[in-house]
C-alpha atoms as a PDB file:
ATOM      1  CA  MET A   1      -0.241  49.141  -1.663  1.00  0.00           C
ATOM      2  CA  LYS A   2       0.771  45.829  -1.798  1.00  0.00           C
ATOM      3  CA  LYS A   3       0.992  46.444   1.954  1.00  0.00           C
ATOM      4  CA  LEU A   4      -2.440  47.808   2.126  1.00  0.00           C
ATOM      5  CA  PHE A   5      -3.691  45.011   0.640  1.00  0.00           C
ATOM      6  CA  ARG A   6      -2.378  42.326   2.748  1.00  0.00           C
ATOM      7  CA  ASN A   7      -3.564  43.856   6.078  1.00  0.00           C
ATOM      8  CA  PHE A   8      -7.227  43.642   4.065  1.00  0.00           C
ATOM      9  CA  ARG A   9      -6.800  40.341   3.623  1.00  0.00           C
ATOM     10  CA  PHE A  10      -5.727  39.939   7.260  1.00  0.00           C
ATOM     11  CA  LEU A  11      -8.912  41.478   8.397  1.00  0.00           C
ATOM     12  CA  ILE A  12     -11.290  39.293   6.256  1.00  0.00           C
ATOM     13  CA  GLU A  13      -9.535  36.232   7.129  1.00  0.00           C
ATOM     14  CA  TYR A  14     -10.022  37.200  10.757  1.00  0.00           C
ATOM     15  CA  PHE A  15     -13.869  37.793  10.957  1.00  0.00           C
ATOM     16  CA  VAL A  16     -13.943  35.233   8.815  1.00  0.00           C
ATOM     17  CA  ILE A  17     -12.691  33.143  11.783  1.00  0.00           C
ATOM     18  CA  LEU A  18     -13.685  35.419  15.048  1.00  0.00           C
ATOM     19  CA  ILE A  19     -17.604  35.313  13.993  1.00  0.00           C
ATOM     20  CA  PRO A  20     -17.521  31.302  14.145  1.00  0.00           C
ATOM     21  CA  TYR A  21     -15.306  31.849  16.672  1.00  0.00           C
ATOM     22  CA  SER A  22     -17.334  34.282  19.089  1.00  0.00           C
ATOM     23  CA  LEU A  23     -21.071  31.756  18.500  1.00  0.00           C
ATOM     24  CA  MET A  24     -19.222  28.837  19.645  1.00  0.00           C
ATOM     25  CA  ARG A  25     -18.138  30.092  22.672  1.00  0.00           C
ATOM     26  CA  ILE A  26     -22.289  30.653  23.725  1.00  0.00           C
ATOM     27  CA  SER A  27     -23.212  27.079  22.068  1.00  0.00           C
ATOM     28  CA  PRO A  28     -23.736  24.222  24.311  1.00  0.00           C
ATOM     29  CA  HIS A  29     -21.478  21.313  24.674  1.00  0.00           C
ATOM     30  CA  PHE A  30     -23.712  18.705  22.673  1.00  0.00           C
ATOM     31  CA  THR A  31     -23.400  21.372  19.525  1.00  0.00           C
ATOM     32  CA  LEU A  32     -19.555  21.131  19.246  1.00  0.00           C
ATOM     33  CA  ARG A  33     -20.218  17.681  19.481  1.00  0.00           C
ATOM     34  CA  TRP A  34     -22.628  17.999  16.049  1.00  0.00           C
ATOM     35  CA  VAL A  35     -20.505  19.976  14.003  1.00  0.00           C
ATOM     36  CA  ALA A  36     -17.224  18.247  14.818  1.00  0.00           C
ATOM     37  CA  ALA A  37     -19.162  15.606  13.577  1.00  0.00           C
ATOM     38  CA  PHE A  38     -20.154  17.057  10.595  1.00  0.00           C
ATOM     39  CA  ALA A  39     -16.709  19.035   9.850  1.00  0.00           C
ATOM     40  CA  GLY A  40     -14.745  15.405  10.409  1.00  0.00           C
ATOM     41  CA  GLY A  41     -16.911  13.293   8.258  1.00  0.00           C
ATOM     42  CA  SER A  42     -16.499  16.191   5.412  1.00  0.00           C
ATOM     43  CA  MET A  43     -12.289  16.071   5.827  1.00  0.00           C
ATOM     44  CA  PHE A  44     -12.599  12.689   5.692  1.00  0.00           C
ATOM     45  CA  MET A  45     -14.406  12.787   2.404  1.00  0.00           C
ATOM     46  CA  VAL A  46     -11.493  14.999   0.678  1.00  0.00           C
ATOM     47  CA  PRO A  47      -9.514  12.604  -0.945  1.00  0.00           C
ATOM     48  CA  SER A  48      -6.136  14.120  -0.479  1.00  0.00           C
ATOM     49  CA  VAL A  49      -7.011  14.456   3.620  1.00  0.00           C
ATOM     50  CA  ARG A  50      -8.183  10.503   3.454  1.00  0.00           C
ATOM     51  CA  LYS A  51      -5.267   9.535   1.583  1.00  0.00           C
ATOM     52  CA  LEU A  52      -3.139  10.999   4.331  1.00  0.00           C
ATOM     53  CA  VAL A  53      -4.768   9.073   7.502  1.00  0.00           C
ATOM     54  CA  THR A  54      -5.333   6.031   6.354  1.00  0.00           C
ATOM     55  CA  ALA A  55      -2.256   6.161   5.375  1.00  0.00           C
ATOM     56  CA  ASN A  56      -0.479   7.104   8.244  1.00  0.00           C
ATOM     57  CA  VAL A  57      -2.847   4.736  10.399  1.00  0.00           C
ATOM     58  CA  ARG A  58      -1.469   1.461   8.077  1.00  0.00           C
ATOM     59  CA  THR A  59       1.941   2.604   8.532  1.00  0.00           C
ATOM     60  CA  ALA A  60       1.735   2.754  12.621  1.00  0.00           C
ATOM     61  CA  PHE A  61      -0.901  -0.569  12.376  1.00  0.00           C
ATOM     62  CA  PRO A  62      -0.198  -2.807   9.447  1.00  0.00           C
ATOM     63  CA  GLU A  63      -2.390  -5.322  11.265  1.00  0.00           C
ATOM     64  CA  PHE A  64      -5.686  -3.326  11.242  1.00  0.00           C
ATOM     65  CA  PRO A  65      -8.157  -4.676   9.186  1.00  0.00           C
ATOM     66  CA  GLU A  66      -9.414  -1.939   6.416  1.00  0.00           C
ATOM     67  CA  ASN A  67     -12.057  -1.283   7.922  1.00  0.00           C
ATOM     68  CA  GLU A  68     -10.588  -0.464  11.317  1.00  0.00           C
ATOM     69  CA  VAL A  69      -8.162   1.583   9.496  1.00  0.00           C
ATOM     70  CA  ARG A  70     -10.933   4.077   8.061  1.00  0.00           C
ATOM     71  CA  ARG A  71     -12.723   4.386  11.549  1.00  0.00           C
ATOM     72  CA  VAL A  72      -9.069   5.028  13.439  1.00  0.00           C
ATOM     73  CA  ALA A  73      -8.667   7.584  10.517  1.00  0.00           C
ATOM     74  CA  ARG A  74     -12.232   9.089  10.024  1.00  0.00           C
ATOM     75  CA  LYS A  75     -12.181   9.885  14.189  1.00  0.00           C
ATOM     76  CA  SER A  76      -8.984  11.233  14.431  1.00  0.00           C
ATOM     77  CA  LEU A  77     -10.510  13.916  12.057  1.00  0.00           C
ATOM     78  CA  TYR A  78     -13.373  14.355  14.859  1.00  0.00           C
ATOM     79  CA  ASN A  79     -11.114  14.897  17.508  1.00  0.00           C
ATOM     80  CA  LEU A  80      -8.898  17.240  15.832  1.00  0.00           C
ATOM     81  CA  VAL A  81     -11.779  19.417  15.317  1.00  0.00           C
ATOM     82  CA  MET A  82     -13.097  18.685  18.989  1.00  0.00           C
ATOM     83  CA  ASN A  83      -9.774  19.951  19.777  1.00  0.00           C
ATOM     84  CA  MET A  84      -9.662  22.572  18.805  1.00  0.00           C
ATOM     85  CA  PHE A  85     -13.209  23.233  19.538  1.00  0.00           C
ATOM     86  CA  GLU A  86     -13.455  22.555  23.059  1.00  0.00           C
ATOM     87  CA  PHE A  87     -10.405  24.364  24.199  1.00  0.00           C
ATOM     88  CA  GLY A  88     -11.923  27.682  22.668  1.00  0.00           C
ATOM     89  CA  TRP A  89     -14.938  26.726  24.617  1.00  0.00           C
ATOM     90  CA  MET A  90     -13.375  26.289  27.563  1.00  0.00           C
ATOM     91  CA  THR A  91     -10.846  28.680  28.504  1.00  0.00           C
ATOM     92  CA  GLY A  92     -11.545  31.470  30.613  1.00  0.00           C
ATOM     93  CA  VAL A  93     -14.928  29.529  32.283  1.00  0.00           C
ATOM     94  CA  GLY A  94     -14.479  27.238  35.014  1.00  0.00           C
ATOM     95  CA  LYS A  95     -17.457  25.765  35.196  1.00  0.00           C
ATOM     96  CA  ARG A  96     -17.113  24.572  31.881  1.00  0.00           C
ATOM     97  CA  ILE A  97     -13.395  23.196  33.132  1.00  0.00           C
ATOM     98  CA  GLU A  98     -14.672  21.516  35.971  1.00  0.00           C
ATOM     99  CA  ARG A  99     -17.509  19.971  33.880  1.00  0.00           C
ATOM    100  CA  TRP A 100     -15.674  18.729  31.214  1.00  0.00           C
ATOM    101  CA  THR A 101     -12.424  17.574  32.724  1.00  0.00           C
ATOM    102  CA  TYR A 102     -11.462  15.306  35.113  1.00  0.00           C
ATOM    103  CA  ILE A 103      -7.806  14.934  36.513  1.00  0.00           C
ATOM    104  CA  SER A 104      -7.281  12.423  39.517  1.00  0.00           C
ATOM    105  CA  ASP A 105      -6.586  13.282  43.190  1.00  0.00           C
ATOM    106  CA  GLU A 106      -3.256  10.781  42.529  1.00  0.00           C
ATOM    107  CA  THR A 107      -1.974  13.101  39.794  1.00  0.00           C
ATOM    108  CA  VAL A 108      -2.719  16.324  41.635  1.00  0.00           C
ATOM    109  CA  LYS A 109      -0.756  15.588  44.371  1.00  0.00           C
ATOM    110  CA  LYS A 110       1.698  14.273  41.793  1.00  0.00           C
ATOM    111  CA  LEU A 111       1.827  17.076  40.571  1.00  0.00           C
ATOM    112  CA  LYS A 112       1.895  19.381  43.322  1.00  0.00           C
ATOM    113  CA  SER A 113       4.488  17.464  45.259  1.00  0.00           C
ATOM    114  CA  HIS A 114       6.590  18.920  42.753  1.00  0.00           C
ATOM    115  CA  THR A 115       5.686  22.285  42.693  1.00  0.00           C
ATOM    116  CA  SER A 116       5.833  22.926  46.041  1.00  0.00           C
ATOM    117  CA  ASN A 117       9.189  21.562  45.736  1.00  0.00           C
ATOM    118  CA  ASP A 118       9.411  24.722  43.730  1.00  0.00           C
ATOM    119  CA  GLU A 119      10.720  22.260  40.569  1.00  0.00           C
ATOM    120  CA  ARG A 120      10.050  23.013  37.106  1.00  0.00           C
ATOM    121  CA  ILE A 121       7.889  20.733  35.293  1.00  0.00           C
ATOM    122  CA  ILE A 122       9.068  20.238  31.555  1.00  0.00           C
ATOM    123  CA  PHE A 123       6.094  18.681  30.519  1.00  0.00           C
ATOM    124  CA  VAL A 124       6.062  16.606  27.546  1.00  0.00           C
ATOM    125  CA  ASN A 125       2.850  16.445  25.490  1.00  0.00           C
ATOM    126  CA  PRO A 126       2.063  14.706  22.023  1.00  0.00           C
ATOM    127  CA  HIS A 127      -0.274  15.342  19.824  1.00  0.00           C
ATOM    128  CA  LEU A 128      -3.442  12.910  21.566  1.00  0.00           C
ATOM    129  CA  GLY A 129      -6.753  13.495  22.753  1.00  0.00           C
ATOM    130  CA  SER A 130      -6.668  17.279  23.704  1.00  0.00           C
ATOM    131  CA  TRP A 131      -3.745  18.758  23.786  1.00  0.00           C
ATOM    132  CA  GLU A 132      -4.516  22.076  24.059  1.00  0.00           C
ATOM    133  CA  ALA A 133      -6.693  20.738  27.480  1.00  0.00           C
ATOM    134  CA  SER A 134      -3.200  20.311  28.979  1.00  0.00           C
ATOM    135  CA  ALA A 135      -2.310  23.411  29.573  1.00  0.00           C
ATOM    136  CA  VAL A 136      -6.121  24.573  30.924  1.00  0.00           C
ATOM    137  CA  ILE A 137      -6.068  21.476  33.828  1.00  0.00           C
ATOM    138  CA  ALA A 138      -2.477  21.868  34.831  1.00  0.00           C
ATOM    139  CA  THR A 139      -3.581  25.885  35.031  1.00  0.00           C
ATOM    140  CA  HIS A 140      -6.740  26.010  36.430  1.00  0.00           C
ATOM    141  CA  THR A 141      -7.397  22.751  38.654  1.00  0.00           C
ATOM    142  CA  CYS A 142      -3.561  22.483  40.036  1.00  0.00           C
ATOM    143  CA  ASN A 143      -2.790  26.537  39.621  1.00  0.00           C
ATOM    144  CA  ILE A 144       0.500  25.841  37.764  1.00  0.00           C
ATOM    145  CA  LYS A 145       2.357  28.806  36.527  1.00  0.00           C
ATOM    146  CA  MET A 146       3.222  27.712  32.655  1.00  0.00           C
ATOM    147  CA  ALA A 147       4.437  28.785  29.783  1.00  0.00           C
ATOM    148  CA  ALA A 148       4.212  27.024  26.276  1.00  0.00           C
ATOM    149  CA  ILE A 149       5.900  27.096  22.772  1.00  0.00           C
ATOM    150  CA  ALA A 150       3.870  28.321  20.116  1.00  0.00           C
ATOM    151  CA  LYS A 151       3.897  28.930  16.986  1.00  0.00           C
ATOM    152  CA  VAL A 152       3.640  32.757  15.341  1.00  0.00           C
ATOM    153  CA  THR A 153       0.568  32.767  13.191  1.00  0.00           C
ATOM    154  CA  ARG A 154       1.188  34.399   9.692  1.00  0.00           C
ATOM    155  CA  ASN A 155      -1.787  36.700  10.467  1.00  0.00           C
ATOM    156  CA  PRO A 156      -1.120  39.511  13.479  1.00  0.00           C
ATOM    157  CA  TYR A 157      -5.134  39.776  13.923  1.00  0.00           C
ATOM    158  CA  LEU A 158      -5.495  36.440  14.363  1.00  0.00           C
ATOM    159  CA  ASN A 159      -2.317  35.436  16.547  1.00  0.00           C
ATOM    160  CA  ASN A 160      -3.770  38.143  18.853  1.00  0.00           C
ATOM    161  CA  LEU A 161      -6.754  36.427  19.148  1.00  0.00           C
ATOM    162  CA  LEU A 162      -5.555  32.414  18.936  1.00  0.00           C
ATOM    163  CA  ASN A 163      -2.511  32.594  20.858  1.00  0.00           C
ATOM    164  CA  LYS A 164      -3.165  36.057  23.248  1.00  0.00           C
ATOM    165  CA  LYS A 165      -6.872  35.682  24.136  1.00  0.00           C
ATOM    166  CA  CYS A 166      -7.157  32.319  24.336  1.00  0.00           C
ATOM    167  CA  ARG A 167      -4.355  31.053  25.731  1.00  0.00           C
ATOM    168  CA  GLU A 168      -3.050  34.106  28.167  1.00  0.00           C
ATOM    169  CA  ILE A 169      -6.238  34.172  29.765  1.00  0.00           C
ATOM    170  CA  GLN A 170      -6.004  30.820  31.204  1.00  0.00           C
ATOM    171  CA  GLY A 171      -2.676  32.406  32.726  1.00  0.00           C
ATOM    172  CA  LEU A 172      -0.617  30.593  30.357  1.00  0.00           C
ATOM    173  CA  ARG A 173       2.529  32.836  28.924  1.00  0.00           C
ATOM    174  CA  ILE A 174       2.864  32.230  25.252  1.00  0.00           C
ATOM    175  CA  ILE A 175       7.032  31.767  24.203  1.00  0.00           C
ATOM    176  CA  PHE A 176       6.475  32.144  20.049  1.00  0.00           C
ATOM    177  CA  SER A 177       8.934  29.529  18.600  1.00  0.00           C
ATOM    178  CA  LYS A 178      11.632  31.981  16.942  1.00  0.00           C
ATOM    179  CA  GLY A 179      13.378  33.183  19.651  1.00  0.00           C
ATOM    180  CA  ALA A 180      12.065  30.885  21.860  1.00  0.00           C
ATOM    181  CA  VAL A 181      15.074  29.022  23.800  1.00  0.00           C
ATOM    182  CA  LYS A 182      15.766  32.291  25.412  1.00  0.00           C
ATOM    183  CA  GLU A 183      12.716  32.741  26.914  1.00  0.00           C
ATOM    184  CA  THR A 184      12.077  29.011  27.898  1.00  0.00           C
ATOM    185  CA  ILE A 185      15.386  29.794  30.113  1.00  0.00           C
ATOM    186  CA  LYS A 186      14.016  33.522  31.317  1.00  0.00           C
ATOM    187  CA  ALA A 187      11.390  31.315  31.798  1.00  0.00           C
ATOM    188  CA  LEU A 188      12.551  28.136  33.611  1.00  0.00           C
ATOM    189  CA  HIS A 189      14.781  30.911  36.098  1.00  0.00           C
ATOM    190  CA  GLU A 190      11.389  32.803  37.397  1.00  0.00           C
ATOM    191  CA  GLY A 191       9.917  29.097  38.208  1.00  0.00           C
ATOM    192  CA  LEU A 192       7.633  28.475  35.262  1.00  0.00           C
ATOM    193  CA  THR A 193       6.735  25.305  34.372  1.00  0.00           C
ATOM    194  CA  ILE A 194       7.333  24.350  30.800  1.00  0.00           C
ATOM    195  CA  GLY A 195       4.887  22.798  27.744  1.00  0.00           C
ATOM    196  CA  THR A 196       6.694  21.294  25.139  1.00  0.00           C
ATOM    197  CA  LEU A 197       5.368  18.870  22.418  1.00  0.00           C
ATOM    198  CA  ILE A 198       6.927  15.668  21.631  1.00  0.00           C
ATOM    199  CA  ASP A 199       6.152  14.416  18.049  1.00  0.00           C
ATOM    200  CA  GLN A 200       7.029  16.937  15.537  1.00  0.00           C
ATOM    201  CA  ASN A 201       9.272  16.691  12.692  1.00  0.00           C
ATOM    202  CA  THR A 202      11.771  19.084  14.150  1.00  0.00           C
ATOM    203  CA  ARG A 203      15.267  19.138  12.027  1.00  0.00           C
ATOM    204  CA  ILE A 204      18.197  17.941  13.191  1.00  0.00           C
ATOM    205  CA  ARG A 205      19.972  20.786  12.534  1.00  0.00           C
ATOM    206  CA  ASP A 206      17.591  22.484  14.286  1.00  0.00           C
ATOM    207  CA  GLY A 207      18.067  20.237  17.755  1.00  0.00           C
ATOM    208  CA  GLY A 208      16.280  17.131  16.397  1.00  0.00           C
ATOM    209  CA  ILE A 209      17.197  13.293  16.734  1.00  0.00           C
ATOM    210  CA  PHE A 210      15.360  10.931  14.658  1.00  0.00           C
ATOM    211  CA  VAL A 211      13.960   8.011  17.274  1.00  0.00           C
ATOM    212  CA  ASN A 212      11.621   4.776  16.986  1.00  0.00           C
ATOM    213  CA  PHE A 213       8.271   5.540  16.730  1.00  0.00           C
ATOM    214  CA  PHE A 214       6.203   2.743  15.646  1.00  0.00           C
ATOM    215  CA  GLY A 215       8.833   1.002  14.293  1.00  0.00           C
ATOM    216  CA  LEU A 216      10.631   3.865  12.290  1.00  0.00           C
ATOM    217  CA  PRO A 217      12.609   6.314  12.999  1.00  0.00           C
ATOM    218  CA  VAL A 218      11.070   9.744  12.753  1.00  0.00           C
ATOM    219  CA  PRO A 219      12.352  12.986  13.845  1.00  0.00           C
ATOM    220  CA  SER A 220      11.230  14.707  17.008  1.00  0.00           C
ATOM    221  CA  SER A 221      12.392  17.604  19.555  1.00  0.00           C
ATOM    222  CA  LYS A 222      15.727  17.300  21.921  1.00  0.00           C
ATOM    223  CA  ALA A 223      14.053  20.001  23.570  1.00  0.00           C
ATOM    224  CA  PRO A 224      12.820  18.134  27.079  1.00  0.00           C
ATOM    225  CA  ALA A 225      16.469  16.849  27.553  1.00  0.00           C
ATOM    226  CA  THR A 226      18.199  19.702  27.142  1.00  0.00           C
ATOM    227  CA  LEU A 227      16.151  21.863  29.115  1.00  0.00           C
ATOM    228  CA  TRP A 228      16.512  19.104  31.979  1.00  0.00           C
ATOM    229  CA  ARG A 229      20.660  19.071  31.605  1.00  0.00           C
ATOM    230  CA  TYR A 230      20.620  22.959  31.481  1.00  0.00           C
ATOM    231  CA  ALA A 231      18.259  22.679  34.539  1.00  0.00           C
ATOM    232  CA  LYS A 232      20.760  20.995  36.262  1.00  0.00           C
ATOM    233  CA  ALA A 233      23.505  22.632  35.152  1.00  0.00           C
ATOM    234  CA  ASN A 234      22.229  25.606  36.653  1.00  0.00           C
ATOM    235  CA  ASN A 235      21.035  24.798  39.909  1.00  0.00           C
ATOM    236  CA  ILE A 236      17.683  24.897  38.885  1.00  0.00           C
ATOM    237  CA  PRO A 237      15.189  22.019  40.231  1.00  0.00           C
ATOM    238  CA  ALA A 238      13.557  20.291  37.402  1.00  0.00           C
ATOM    239  CA  VAL A 239      11.628  17.025  36.513  1.00  0.00           C
ATOM    240  CA  PRO A 240      10.483  16.232  32.739  1.00  0.00           C
ATOM    241  CA  LEU A 241       6.849  14.523  32.677  1.00  0.00           C
ATOM    242  CA  TYR A 242       4.757  13.574  30.177  1.00  0.00           C
ATOM    243  CA  GLY A 243       1.411  14.172  29.979  1.00  0.00           C
ATOM    244  CA  THR A 244      -1.415  14.030  28.062  1.00  0.00           C
ATOM    245  CA  VAL A 245      -5.523  14.523  28.079  1.00  0.00           C
ATOM    246  CA  VAL A 246      -7.633  11.865  26.619  1.00  0.00           C
ATOM    247  CA  ARG A 247     -11.295  11.520  26.004  1.00  0.00           C
ATOM    248  CA  ILE A 248     -12.802   8.676  28.524  1.00  0.00           C
ATOM    249  CA  ASN A 249     -16.464   8.805  28.525  1.00  0.00           C
ATOM    250  CA  GLY A 250     -17.303  12.286  27.323  1.00  0.00           C
ATOM    251  CA  ARG A 251     -14.932  13.699  29.330  1.00  0.00           C
ATOM    252  CA  LEU A 252     -11.264  15.323  29.079  1.00  0.00           C
ATOM    253  CA  THR A 253      -8.909  12.903  31.140  1.00  0.00           C
ATOM    254  CA  ALA A 254      -5.605  13.957  32.305  1.00  0.00           C
ATOM    255  CA  HIS A 255      -2.937  11.048  32.839  1.00  0.00           C
ATOM    256  CA  CYS A 256       0.992  11.761  33.586  1.00  0.00           C
ATOM    257  CA  GLU A 257       3.497   9.480  34.024  1.00  0.00           C
ATOM    258  CA  SER A 258       6.985   9.997  35.223  1.00  0.00           C
ATOM    259  CA  LEU A 259      10.308   8.815  33.882  1.00  0.00           C
ATOM    260  CA  SER A 260      12.104   5.933  34.992  1.00  0.00           C
ATOM    261  CA  LYS A 261      15.559   7.095  35.676  1.00  0.00           C
ATOM    262  CA  THR A 262      16.976   9.994  37.190  1.00  0.00           C
ATOM    263  CA  LEU A 263      19.195  12.311  34.782  1.00  0.00           C
ATOM    264  CA  ASP A 264      22.597  11.108  35.755  1.00  0.00           C
ATOM    265  CA  GLU A 265      21.367   7.488  35.257  1.00  0.00           C
ATOM    266  CA  TYR A 266      20.383   8.290  31.191  1.00  0.00           C
ATOM    267  CA  VAL A 267      23.755   7.938  28.710  1.00  0.00           C
ATOM    268  CA  SER A 268      22.513  10.515  26.119  1.00  0.00           C
ATOM    269  CA  ASP A 269      19.769  12.813  25.180  1.00  0.00           C
ATOM    270  CA  HIS A 270      18.602  10.319  22.553  1.00  0.00           C
ATOM    271  CA  GLU A 271      17.565   7.749  25.730  1.00  0.00           C
ATOM    272  CA  ILE A 272      15.766  10.212  27.087  1.00  0.00           C
ATOM    273  CA  ILE A 273      13.612  11.013  24.291  1.00  0.00           C
ATOM    274  CA  GLN A 274      13.265   7.761  23.229  1.00  0.00           C
ATOM    275  CA  GLU A 275      11.781   6.825  26.642  1.00  0.00           C
ATOM    276  CA  LEU A 276       9.484  10.040  26.127  1.00  0.00           C
ATOM    277  CA  ILE A 277       8.442   8.400  22.891  1.00  0.00           C
ATOM    278  CA  ASP A 278       7.699   5.209  24.209  1.00  0.00           C
ATOM    279  CA  ILE A 279       5.794   6.420  26.850  1.00  0.00           C
ATOM    280  CA  SER A 280       3.411   8.450  23.700  1.00  0.00           C
ATOM    281  CA  GLU A 281       3.262   5.146  21.057  1.00  0.00           C
ATOM    282  CA  LYS A 282       1.786   3.478  24.308  1.00  0.00           C
ATOM    283  CA  TYR A 283      -0.968   5.802  24.517  1.00  0.00           C
ATOM    284  CA  ILE A 284      -1.554   6.183  21.167  1.00  0.00           C
ATOM    285  CA  ARG A 285      -2.080   2.573  20.709  1.00  0.00           C
ATOM    286  CA  LYS A 286      -4.735   2.821  23.498  1.00  0.00           C
ATOM    287  CA  PHE A 287      -6.426   5.772  21.996  1.00  0.00           C
ATOM    288  CA  PRO A 288      -5.516   5.502  18.477  1.00  0.00           C
ATOM    289  CA  GLU A 289      -8.634   7.220  17.300  1.00  0.00           C
ATOM    290  CA  GLN A 290      -7.529  10.749  19.187  1.00  0.00           C
ATOM    291  CA  TYR A 291      -4.052  11.075  17.492  1.00  0.00           C
ATOM    292  CA  LEU A 292      -3.458  13.632  14.820  1.00  0.00           C
ATOM    293  CA  TRP A 293      -3.009  11.293  11.848  1.00  0.00           C
ATOM    294  CA  LEU A 294      -3.358  14.337   9.406  1.00  0.00           C
ATOM    295  CA  TYR A 295       0.175  14.802  10.183  1.00  0.00           C
ATOM    296  CA  LYS A 296       3.116  14.109   8.342  1.00  0.00           C
ATOM    297  CA  ARG A 297       4.651  12.309  11.121  1.00  0.00           C
ATOM    298  CA  PHE A 298       6.522   9.713   8.357  1.00  0.00           C
ATOM    299  CA  GLN A 299       7.915  12.495   6.398  1.00  0.00           C
ATOM    300  CA  HIS A 300      12.188  11.702   6.519  1.00  0.00           C
ATOM    301  CA  ILE A 301      13.685   8.889   6.169  1.00  0.00           C
ATOM    302  CA  PRO A 302      17.314   8.699   7.513  1.00  0.00           C
ATOM    303  CA  GLU A 303      20.265   7.924   5.963  1.00  0.00           C
ATOM    304  CA  ASP A 304      20.565   4.771   7.904  1.00  0.00           C
ATOM    305  CA  ALA A 305      16.784   3.308   7.135  1.00  0.00           C
ATOM    306  CA  THR A 306      16.880  -0.494   6.599  1.00  0.00           C
ATOM    307  CA  PRO A 307      15.647  -1.098   4.032  1.00  0.00           C
ATOM    308  CA  GLU A 308      12.538  -3.193   5.284  1.00  0.00           C
ATOM    309  CA  GLN A 309      11.932   0.242   7.306  1.00  0.00           C
ATOM    310  CA  ARG A 310      11.887   1.964   3.905  1.00  0.00           C
ATOM    311  CA  LYS A 311       9.126  -0.340   2.831  1.00  0.00           C
ATOM    312  CA  ARG A 312       7.083   0.669   5.043  1.00  0.00           C
ATOM    313  CA  TYR A 313       7.387   4.098   5.167  1.00  0.00           C
ATOM    314  CA  PRO A 314       4.314   6.019   3.601  1.00  0.00           C
ATOM    315  CA  PHE A 315       3.554   7.530  -0.058  1.00  0.00           C
ATOM    316  CA  TYR A 316       4.898  11.067   0.839  1.00  0.00           C
ATOM    317  CA  SER A 317       7.836   9.897   2.777  1.00  0.00           C
ATOM    318  CA  ARG A 318      11.498  11.184   1.494  1.00  0.00           C
ATOM    319  CA  ASP A 319      14.703  10.951   2.271  1.00  0.00           C
ATOM    320  CA  ALA A 320      15.831  13.409   4.650  1.00  0.00           C
ATOM    321  CA  SER A 321      17.917  16.282   2.770  1.00  0.00           C
ATOM    322  CA  PRO A 322      21.408  17.154   3.271  1.00  0.00           C
ATOM    323  CA  LYS A 323      19.890  20.417   4.240  1.00  0.00           C
ATOM    324  CA  PHE A 324      17.866  18.651   6.432  1.00  0.00           C
ATOM    325  CA  TYR A 325      21.204  18.295   8.842  1.00  0.00           C
ATOM    326  CA  ASP A 326      23.634  20.482   8.200  1.00  0.00           C
ATOM    327  CA  LYS A 327      22.523  24.139   7.452  1.00  0.00           C
ATOM    328  CA  ARG A 328      25.373  25.367   6.214  1.00  0.00           C
ATOM    329  CA  VAL A 329      25.274  22.718   3.234  1.00  0.00           C
ATOM    330  CA  ASN A 330      24.037  25.449   1.066  1.00  0.00           C
ATOM    331  CA  ASN A 331      26.700  27.449   2.133  1.00  0.00           C
ATOM    332  CA  ASP A 332      29.101  25.337   1.374  1.00  0.00           C
ATOM    333  CA  ASN A 333      27.786  24.700  -2.529  1.00  0.00           C
ATOM    334  CA  HIS A 334      27.196  28.031  -3.111  1.00  0.00           C
ATOM    335  CA  SER A 335      31.146  29.361  -2.644  1.00  0.00           C
ATOM    336  CA  GLU A 336      31.903  26.101  -4.686  1.00  0.00           C
ATOM    337  CA  GLU A 337      30.067  27.181  -7.358  1.00  0.00           C
END
């Protein structure tokens, strides 16, 4: 009975999402902007949401006056909604992609120079602008065969809609986070480009590393460095590239940057990830209202944070627990008891 009730609930959730999704697919672009403005404004009215996004903006930009903090925070919520809407609206519709996205000839040439040499691109993308559109532009405009890591949605019907139909219709292979290492390595061997997100709070025990972000240590995934080193060790030609898509004059505009050194010139994975984070911060500073400030990016305070740094962390931050560093901690404590 419990299983039947859960399945019924999943079906209701699915249709609640499917109806507006279907309407969105047939709507003109200006309708998306209106609805996103209304939804973003409504989200900003929720005290807990407003408190979180403004706290993050103040932490990253302590020099901003209060009116600028609120403007950036409100616009970031609009951007979040537009990111979700536009991705579903454009996916599989070539005319819409060509009308509302832009990638320079120079960037296309750069990407194709790597793929024509059979190099696997390890794309590193932040939650900036329209991060979902990055894959759309890469697969549609540059004909890049690509795989991206995504979290499994608990609702199987929504998972099929959001991760399968939305993304795979665009020619993007989805690798789910559970068992992602094995599938990602397989994709590299098959010659696919890999898409990764750089600004998630990956635990140290799961392959994360603390890096400097707006003057504060935050955890990030080492996946781009790990994949690059694996590729070289196995004679697979690969190159990491920072990529982001931001709104400029109403169009989603793609940007791409290479790292400054070859793999052998970096002394550690930390140096590689820090450079990628530095590039990301550079773009966020240019387009602060397009970053995902609704995420608890400054949640974990490392053991070696200085007193000055601790004062800067926002209200929700907490010291990273021993379990954050080592999953064996709980087992050790249990055995002692």
